[in-house]
Amino acid sequence: MEGSAIKGMSLLTLNECDAKKPRPKNSYIGRILVKGYNTQFSHDDVESTLRRHFSSCGEITDVYIRILADNTLNSFGFVYFLGEGAVDKALQLSGRDVGGWNVIAEPYPFPENADCRPVVIVQGYDNSLSKTDIEKVLTTHFSSCGKVTEIMVHKRSGAASVSVYGECAEEKVLDLDGSYIGEDKILVKLFNARKIYSVHRRPRRARPYCS
């Protein structure tokens, strides 16, 4: 799977990724589960109330409350934060009155090993080296991030995939974006889907059937 993606990836593709807003470190991203509101309330009213209530805790990146088929709200929702200690601050506001109802905030952490198995695409190294030598230099360069479990080198595209396993390995490998191997500055971009995210994943809507 990684190999087919790398073969079709150009240096331009990675440069275009560089133009995007830098992603915050996983350790700064947190979320809580919230409940206590009347499910008959307006979605917008509940969302705005939650944003006001937790605004002092850190940057709120998303508030997600599912609207059910009968147009009522699900009995719980989620608030996502960006900022060190934001979740702890939010939990301290649990039980407070927010205008006729008490908001209940509960911990909702990401899985413990959510960022321990990243796969990254690497470009910028000396592609004139043999595959064996490229594997050696990449193994050495990424060994500080955890155990390098697999490297796939594609000479034609000048790219390689590097798989790493270790505690907080995702943050560590991404910190090597823009680092140097000898005199060569490398580009490092995450290939596999993130398991720590600052916006709640929405369910996909089914496409209407066309006869």
C-alpha atoms as a PDB file:
ATOM      1  CA  MET A   1       0.000   0.000   0.000  1.00  0.00           C
ATOM      2  CA  GLU A   2       2.757   2.432   0.982  1.00  0.00           C
ATOM      3  CA  GLY A   3       4.762   1.509  -2.094  1.00  0.00           C
ATOM      4  CA  SER A   4       2.048   2.347  -4.595  1.00  0.00           C
ATOM      5  CA  ALA A   5       1.495   5.712  -2.934  1.00  0.00           C
ATOM      6  CA  ILE A   6       5.187   6.611  -2.993  1.00  0.00           C
ATOM      7  CA  LYS A   7       5.593   5.714  -6.654  1.00  0.00           C
ATOM      8  CA  GLY A   8       2.965   8.281  -7.575  1.00  0.00           C
ATOM      9  CA  MET A   9       4.224  10.990  -5.240  1.00  0.00           C
ATOM     10  CA  SER A  10       6.388  13.784  -6.612  1.00  0.00           C
ATOM     11  CA  LEU A  11       8.548  16.327  -4.832  1.00  0.00           C
ATOM     12  CA  LEU A  12       5.984  18.955  -5.847  1.00  0.00           C
ATOM     13  CA  THR A  13       3.337  17.069  -3.878  1.00  0.00           C
ATOM     14  CA  LEU A  14       5.339  17.318  -0.682  1.00  0.00           C
ATOM     15  CA  ASN A  15       6.175  20.964  -1.310  1.00  0.00           C
ATOM     16  CA  GLU A  16       2.453  21.666  -1.643  1.00  0.00           C
ATOM     17  CA  CYS A  17       1.927  20.006   1.754  1.00  0.00           C
ATOM     18  CA  ASP A  18       4.485  22.393   3.231  1.00  0.00           C
ATOM     19  CA  ALA A  19       2.205  25.314   2.370  1.00  0.00           C
ATOM     20  CA  LYS A  20      -0.473  24.029   4.735  1.00  0.00           C
ATOM     21  CA  LYS A  21      -0.767  25.291   8.301  1.00  0.00           C
ATOM     22  CA  PRO A  22       1.680  23.442  10.574  1.00  0.00           C
ATOM     23  CA  ARG A  23      -0.037  20.833  12.709  1.00  0.00           C
ATOM     24  CA  PRO A  24       0.215  21.187  16.491  1.00  0.00           C
ATOM     25  CA  LYS A  25       1.972  18.545  18.553  1.00  0.00           C
ATOM     26  CA  ASN A  26      -0.173  15.609  19.619  1.00  0.00           C
ATOM     27  CA  SER A  27       0.503  16.381  23.283  1.00  0.00           C
ATOM     28  CA  TYR A  28      -1.288  19.722  22.882  1.00  0.00           C
ATOM     29  CA  ILE A  29      -4.483  18.137  21.501  1.00  0.00           C
ATOM     30  CA  GLY A  30      -7.192  16.964  23.906  1.00  0.00           C
ATOM     31  CA  ARG A  31     -10.907  16.283  24.079  1.00  0.00           C
ATOM     32  CA  ILE A  32     -13.723  15.811  26.569  1.00  0.00           C
ATOM     33  CA  LEU A  33     -17.181  14.270  26.497  1.00  0.00           C
ATOM     34  CA  VAL A  34     -19.993  16.633  27.454  1.00  0.00           C
ATOM     35  CA  LYS A  35     -23.619  16.082  28.463  1.00  0.00           C
ATOM     36  CA  GLY A  36     -26.324  17.542  30.662  1.00  0.00           C
ATOM     37  CA  TYR A  37     -28.179  19.590  28.048  1.00  0.00           C
ATOM     38  CA  ASN A  38     -31.795  19.025  27.029  1.00  0.00           C
ATOM     39  CA  THR A  39     -31.754  17.040  23.796  1.00  0.00           C
ATOM     40  CA  GLN A  40     -34.656  19.179  22.563  1.00  0.00           C
ATOM     41  CA  PHE A  41     -32.456  22.277  22.600  1.00  0.00           C
ATOM     42  CA  SER A  42     -31.239  23.915  19.413  1.00  0.00           C
ATOM     43  CA  HIS A  43     -27.920  22.513  18.217  1.00  0.00           C
ATOM     44  CA  ASP A  44     -26.503  25.988  17.636  1.00  0.00           C
ATOM     45  CA  ASP A  45     -27.565  27.156  21.106  1.00  0.00           C
ATOM     46  CA  VAL A  46     -25.889  24.210  22.840  1.00  0.00           C
ATOM     47  CA  GLU A  47     -22.732  24.564  20.770  1.00  0.00           C
ATOM     48  CA  SER A  48     -22.403  28.288  21.425  1.00  0.00           C
ATOM     49  CA  THR A  49     -23.031  27.728  25.154  1.00  0.00           C
ATOM     50  CA  LEU A  50     -20.298  25.100  25.314  1.00  0.00           C
ATOM     51  CA  ARG A  51     -17.861  27.316  23.426  1.00  0.00           C
ATOM     52  CA  ARG A  52     -18.477  30.205  25.829  1.00  0.00           C
ATOM     53  CA  HIS A  53     -18.256  27.998  28.906  1.00  0.00           C
ATOM     54  CA  PHE A  54     -14.941  26.390  27.976  1.00  0.00           C
ATOM     55  CA  SER A  55     -13.363  29.346  26.163  1.00  0.00           C
ATOM     56  CA  SER A  56     -10.990  30.084  29.048  1.00  0.00           C
ATOM     57  CA  CYS A  57      -9.484  26.583  28.958  1.00  0.00           C
ATOM     58  CA  GLY A  58      -7.654  26.849  25.654  1.00  0.00           C
ATOM     59  CA  GLU A  59      -8.334  27.086  21.940  1.00  0.00           C
ATOM     60  CA  ILE A  60     -11.495  25.168  21.052  1.00  0.00           C
ATOM     61  CA  THR A  61     -10.913  23.485  17.700  1.00  0.00           C
ATOM     62  CA  ASP A  62     -14.246  21.666  17.413  1.00  0.00           C
ATOM     63  CA  VAL A  63     -17.589  21.028  19.111  1.00  0.00           C
ATOM     64  CA  TYR A  64     -19.459  18.014  17.792  1.00  0.00           C
ATOM     65  CA  ILE A  65     -22.996  17.039  18.794  1.00  0.00           C
ATOM     66  CA  ARG A  66     -24.763  14.559  16.579  1.00  0.00           C
ATOM     67  CA  ILE A  67     -28.257  15.435  15.369  1.00  0.00           C
ATOM     68  CA  LEU A  68     -30.462  12.336  15.355  1.00  0.00           C
ATOM     69  CA  ALA A  69     -33.011  11.300  12.755  1.00  0.00           C
ATOM     70  CA  ASP A  70     -35.893  12.829  14.746  1.00  0.00           C
ATOM     71  CA  ASN A  71     -34.025  16.155  14.753  1.00  0.00           C
ATOM     72  CA  THR A  72     -33.167  15.952  18.451  1.00  0.00           C
ATOM     73  CA  LEU A  73     -29.633  16.025  19.832  1.00  0.00           C
ATOM     74  CA  ASN A  74     -27.650  13.013  20.911  1.00  0.00           C
ATOM     75  CA  SER A  75     -27.391  12.851  24.702  1.00  0.00           C
ATOM     76  CA  PHE A  76     -23.646  13.567  24.632  1.00  0.00           C
ATOM     77  CA  GLY A  77     -21.191  15.491  22.514  1.00  0.00           C
ATOM     78  CA  PHE A  78     -17.479  16.252  22.279  1.00  0.00           C
ATOM     79  CA  VAL A  79     -15.316  19.329  22.696  1.00  0.00           C
ATOM     80  CA  TYR A  80     -11.777  19.397  21.274  1.00  0.00           C
ATOM     81  CA  PHE A  81      -9.049  21.652  22.627  1.00  0.00           C
ATOM     82  CA  LEU A  82      -5.624  22.853  21.681  1.00  0.00           C
ATOM     83  CA  GLY A  83      -3.327  23.909  24.480  1.00  0.00           C
ATOM     84  CA  GLU A  84      -1.302  22.494  27.329  1.00  0.00           C
ATOM     85  CA  GLY A  85      -3.527  21.581  30.283  1.00  0.00           C
ATOM     86  CA  ALA A  86      -6.720  22.557  28.445  1.00  0.00           C
ATOM     87  CA  VAL A  87      -8.553  19.330  29.262  1.00  0.00           C
ATOM     88  CA  ASP A  88      -7.720  19.532  32.974  1.00  0.00           C
ATOM     89  CA  LYS A  89      -9.059  23.089  33.071  1.00  0.00           C
ATOM     90  CA  ALA A  90     -12.239  22.034  31.278  1.00  0.00           C
ATOM     91  CA  LEU A  91     -12.886  19.174  33.685  1.00  0.00           C
ATOM     92  CA  GLN A  92     -12.747  21.635  36.582  1.00  0.00           C
ATOM     93  CA  LEU A  93     -15.737  23.448  35.040  1.00  0.00           C
ATOM     94  CA  SER A  94     -17.911  20.328  35.138  1.00  0.00           C
ATOM     95  CA  GLY A  95     -21.194  20.737  37.032  1.00  0.00           C
ATOM     96  CA  ARG A  96     -21.435  24.482  36.494  1.00  0.00           C
ATOM     97  CA  ASP A  97     -24.754  26.116  35.617  1.00  0.00           C
ATOM     98  CA  VAL A  98     -24.731  27.548  32.116  1.00  0.00           C
ATOM     99  CA  GLY A  99     -28.148  29.150  32.016  1.00  0.00           C
ATOM    100  CA  GLY A 100     -30.760  26.621  33.087  1.00  0.00           C
ATOM    101  CA  TRP A 101     -28.734  23.430  32.812  1.00  0.00           C
ATOM    102  CA  ASN A 102     -25.564  22.023  34.306  1.00  0.00           C
ATOM    103  CA  VAL A 103     -22.835  21.013  31.903  1.00  0.00           C
ATOM    104  CA  ILE A 104     -21.145  17.708  32.725  1.00  0.00           C
ATOM    105  CA  ALA A 105     -17.617  17.229  31.415  1.00  0.00           C
ATOM    106  CA  GLU A 106     -15.930  13.821  31.452  1.00  0.00           C
ATOM    107  CA  PRO A 107     -12.475  12.684  30.279  1.00  0.00           C
ATOM    108  CA  TYR A 108     -12.362  11.226  26.773  1.00  0.00           C
ATOM    109  CA  PRO A 109      -8.682  10.580  26.052  1.00  0.00           C
ATOM    110  CA  PHE A 110      -7.259   9.230  22.827  1.00  0.00           C
ATOM    111  CA  PRO A 111      -6.036   5.607  22.881  1.00  0.00           C
ATOM    112  CA  GLU A 112      -2.794   5.241  24.829  1.00  0.00           C
ATOM    113  CA  ASN A 113      -0.738   4.055  21.833  1.00  0.00           C
ATOM    114  CA  ALA A 114      -2.481   6.163  19.203  1.00  0.00           C
ATOM    115  CA  ASP A 115       0.715   7.739  17.888  1.00  0.00           C
ATOM    116  CA  CYS A 116       3.190   4.874  18.243  1.00  0.00           C
ATOM    117  CA  ARG A 117       3.163   3.405  14.688  1.00  0.00           C
ATOM    118  CA  PRO A 118       3.680   6.182  12.128  1.00  0.00           C
ATOM    119  CA  VAL A 119       4.545   5.647   8.480  1.00  0.00           C
ATOM    120  CA  VAL A 120       6.203   8.636   6.820  1.00  0.00           C
ATOM    121  CA  ILE A 121       7.235   9.571   3.305  1.00  0.00           C
ATOM    122  CA  VAL A 122      10.793  10.891   3.075  1.00  0.00           C
ATOM    123  CA  GLN A 123      12.422  12.836   0.228  1.00  0.00           C
ATOM    124  CA  GLY A 124      15.498  14.980  -0.200  1.00  0.00           C
ATOM    125  CA  TYR A 125      18.189  12.459   0.728  1.00  0.00           C
ATOM    126  CA  ASP A 126      21.009  11.593  -1.676  1.00  0.00           C
ATOM    127  CA  ASN A 127      19.176   9.442  -4.213  1.00  0.00           C
ATOM    128  CA  SER A 128      22.423   8.592  -6.014  1.00  0.00           C
ATOM    129  CA  LEU A 129      23.229   6.156  -3.217  1.00  0.00           C
ATOM    130  CA  SER A 130      22.347   2.495  -3.568  1.00  0.00           C
ATOM    131  CA  LYS A 131      19.098   1.250  -2.042  1.00  0.00           C
ATOM    132  CA  THR A 132      21.068  -0.525   0.665  1.00  0.00           C
ATOM    133  CA  ASP A 133      22.972   2.627   1.601  1.00  0.00           C
ATOM    134  CA  ILE A 134      19.786   4.721   1.587  1.00  0.00           C
ATOM    135  CA  GLU A 135      18.166   2.225   3.942  1.00  0.00           C
ATOM    136  CA  LYS A 136      21.193   2.435   6.236  1.00  0.00           C
ATOM    137  CA  VAL A 137      21.253   6.244   6.441  1.00  0.00           C
ATOM    138  CA  LEU A 138      17.478   6.448   6.950  1.00  0.00           C
ATOM    139  CA  THR A 139      17.582   3.783   9.658  1.00  0.00           C
ATOM    140  CA  THR A 140      20.288   5.714  11.473  1.00  0.00           C
ATOM    141  CA  HIS A 141      18.491   9.040  11.066  1.00  0.00           C
ATOM    142  CA  PHE A 142      15.123   7.814  12.366  1.00  0.00           C
ATOM    143  CA  SER A 143      16.418   5.451  15.061  1.00  0.00           C
ATOM    144  CA  SER A 144      16.079   8.207  17.680  1.00  0.00           C
ATOM    145  CA  CYS A 145      12.294   8.124  17.149  1.00  0.00           C
ATOM    146  CA  GLY A 146      11.857   4.453  17.997  1.00  0.00           C
ATOM    147  CA  LYS A 147      12.418   1.113  16.313  1.00  0.00           C
ATOM    148  CA  VAL A 148      12.575   1.402  12.511  1.00  0.00           C
ATOM    149  CA  THR A 149      10.482  -1.585  11.419  1.00  0.00           C
ATOM    150  CA  GLU A 150      10.449  -1.153   7.636  1.00  0.00           C
ATOM    151  CA  ILE A 151      11.952   1.008   4.909  1.00  0.00           C
ATOM    152  CA  MET A 152      10.833   0.928   1.271  1.00  0.00           C
ATOM    153  CA  VAL A 153      13.037   2.856  -1.163  1.00  0.00           C
ATOM    154  CA  HIS A 154      11.807   3.905  -4.613  1.00  0.00           C
ATOM    155  CA  LYS A 155      14.672   5.177  -6.713  1.00  0.00           C
ATOM    156  CA  ARG A 156      12.518   6.406  -9.594  1.00  0.00           C
ATOM    157  CA  SER A 157      10.507   8.838  -7.461  1.00  0.00           C
ATOM    158  CA  GLY A 158      13.355   9.655  -5.089  1.00  0.00           C
ATOM    159  CA  ALA A 159      11.147   8.823  -2.124  1.00  0.00           C
ATOM    160  CA  ALA A 160      11.099   6.263   0.649  1.00  0.00           C
ATOM    161  CA  SER A 161       8.592   5.154   3.249  1.00  0.00           C
ATOM    162  CA  VAL A 162       9.806   4.700   6.790  1.00  0.00           C
ATOM    163  CA  SER A 163       7.798   2.809   9.413  1.00  0.00           C
ATOM    164  CA  VAL A 164       8.640   3.399  13.070  1.00  0.00           C
ATOM    165  CA  TYR A 165       7.358   1.954  16.330  1.00  0.00           C
ATOM    166  CA  GLY A 166       7.813   3.644  19.682  1.00  0.00           C
ATOM    167  CA  GLU A 167       6.311   5.905  22.330  1.00  0.00           C
ATOM    168  CA  CYS A 168       5.201   9.241  20.809  1.00  0.00           C
ATOM    169  CA  ALA A 169       6.951   8.151  17.597  1.00  0.00           C
ATOM    170  CA  GLU A 170       4.623  10.190  15.385  1.00  0.00           C
ATOM    171  CA  GLU A 171       5.664  13.500  16.924  1.00  0.00           C
ATOM    172  CA  LYS A 172       9.310  12.504  16.897  1.00  0.00           C
ATOM    173  CA  VAL A 173       9.450  11.545  13.217  1.00  0.00           C
ATOM    174  CA  LEU A 174       7.596  14.696  12.172  1.00  0.00           C
ATOM    175  CA  ASP A 175      10.098  16.770  14.144  1.00  0.00           C
ATOM    176  CA  LEU A 176      12.709  15.528  11.654  1.00  0.00           C
ATOM    177  CA  ASP A 177      10.991  17.332   8.770  1.00  0.00           C
ATOM    178  CA  GLY A 178      13.551  19.854   7.545  1.00  0.00           C
ATOM    179  CA  SER A 179      16.464  18.107   9.250  1.00  0.00           C
ATOM    180  CA  TYR A 180      19.674  17.206   7.438  1.00  0.00           C
ATOM    181  CA  ILE A 181      21.266  13.936   6.433  1.00  0.00           C
ATOM    182  CA  GLY A 182      24.773  15.089   5.714  1.00  0.00           C
ATOM    183  CA  GLU A 183      24.337  18.161   3.530  1.00  0.00           C
ATOM    184  CA  ASP A 184      20.890  17.115   2.279  1.00  0.00           C
ATOM    185  CA  LYS A 185      17.751  18.639   3.787  1.00  0.00           C
ATOM    186  CA  ILE A 186      14.964  16.083   3.939  1.00  0.00           C
ATOM    187  CA  LEU A 187      11.184  16.378   3.760  1.00  0.00           C
ATOM    188  CA  VAL A 188       9.147  14.173   6.101  1.00  0.00           C
ATOM    189  CA  LYS A 189       5.373  13.829   5.781  1.00  0.00           C
ATOM    190  CA  LEU A 190       2.989  11.477   7.530  1.00  0.00           C
ATOM    191  CA  PHE A 191       1.452   8.881   5.219  1.00  0.00           C
ATOM    192  CA  ASN A 192      -0.887   6.850   7.419  1.00  0.00           C
ATOM    193  CA  ALA A 193      -4.043   8.317   8.930  1.00  0.00           C
ATOM    194  CA  ARG A 194      -3.680  10.193  12.202  1.00  0.00           C
ATOM    195  CA  LYS A 195      -5.265   8.701  15.290  1.00  0.00           C
ATOM    196  CA  ILE A 196      -4.999  11.900  17.315  1.00  0.00           C
ATOM    197  CA  TYR A 197      -6.992  14.684  15.715  1.00  0.00           C
ATOM    198  CA  SER A 198      -8.314  18.108  16.661  1.00  0.00           C
ATOM    199  CA  VAL A 199     -11.614  17.873  14.737  1.00  0.00           C
ATOM    200  CA  HIS A 200     -14.154  15.127  15.381  1.00  0.00           C
ATOM    201  CA  ARG A 201     -14.601  12.632  12.576  1.00  0.00           C
ATOM    202  CA  ARG A 202     -18.008  13.019  11.008  1.00  0.00           C
ATOM    203  CA  PRO A 203     -19.951  10.005   9.722  1.00  0.00           C
ATOM    204  CA  ARG A 204     -20.076   9.795   5.957  1.00  0.00           C
ATOM    205  CA  ARG A 205     -23.430  10.400   4.388  1.00  0.00           C
ATOM    206  CA  ALA A 206     -24.712   7.606   2.189  1.00  0.00           C
ATOM    207  CA  ARG A 207     -25.007   8.525  -1.458  1.00  0.00           C
ATOM    208  CA  PRO A 208     -28.529   8.401  -2.894  1.00  0.00           C
ATOM    209  CA  TYR A 209     -29.192   5.416  -5.107  1.00  0.00           C
ATOM    210  CA  CYS A 210     -29.661   6.300  -8.769  1.00  0.00           C
ATOM    211  CA  SER A 211     -31.521   3.840 -10.937  1.00  0.00           C
END
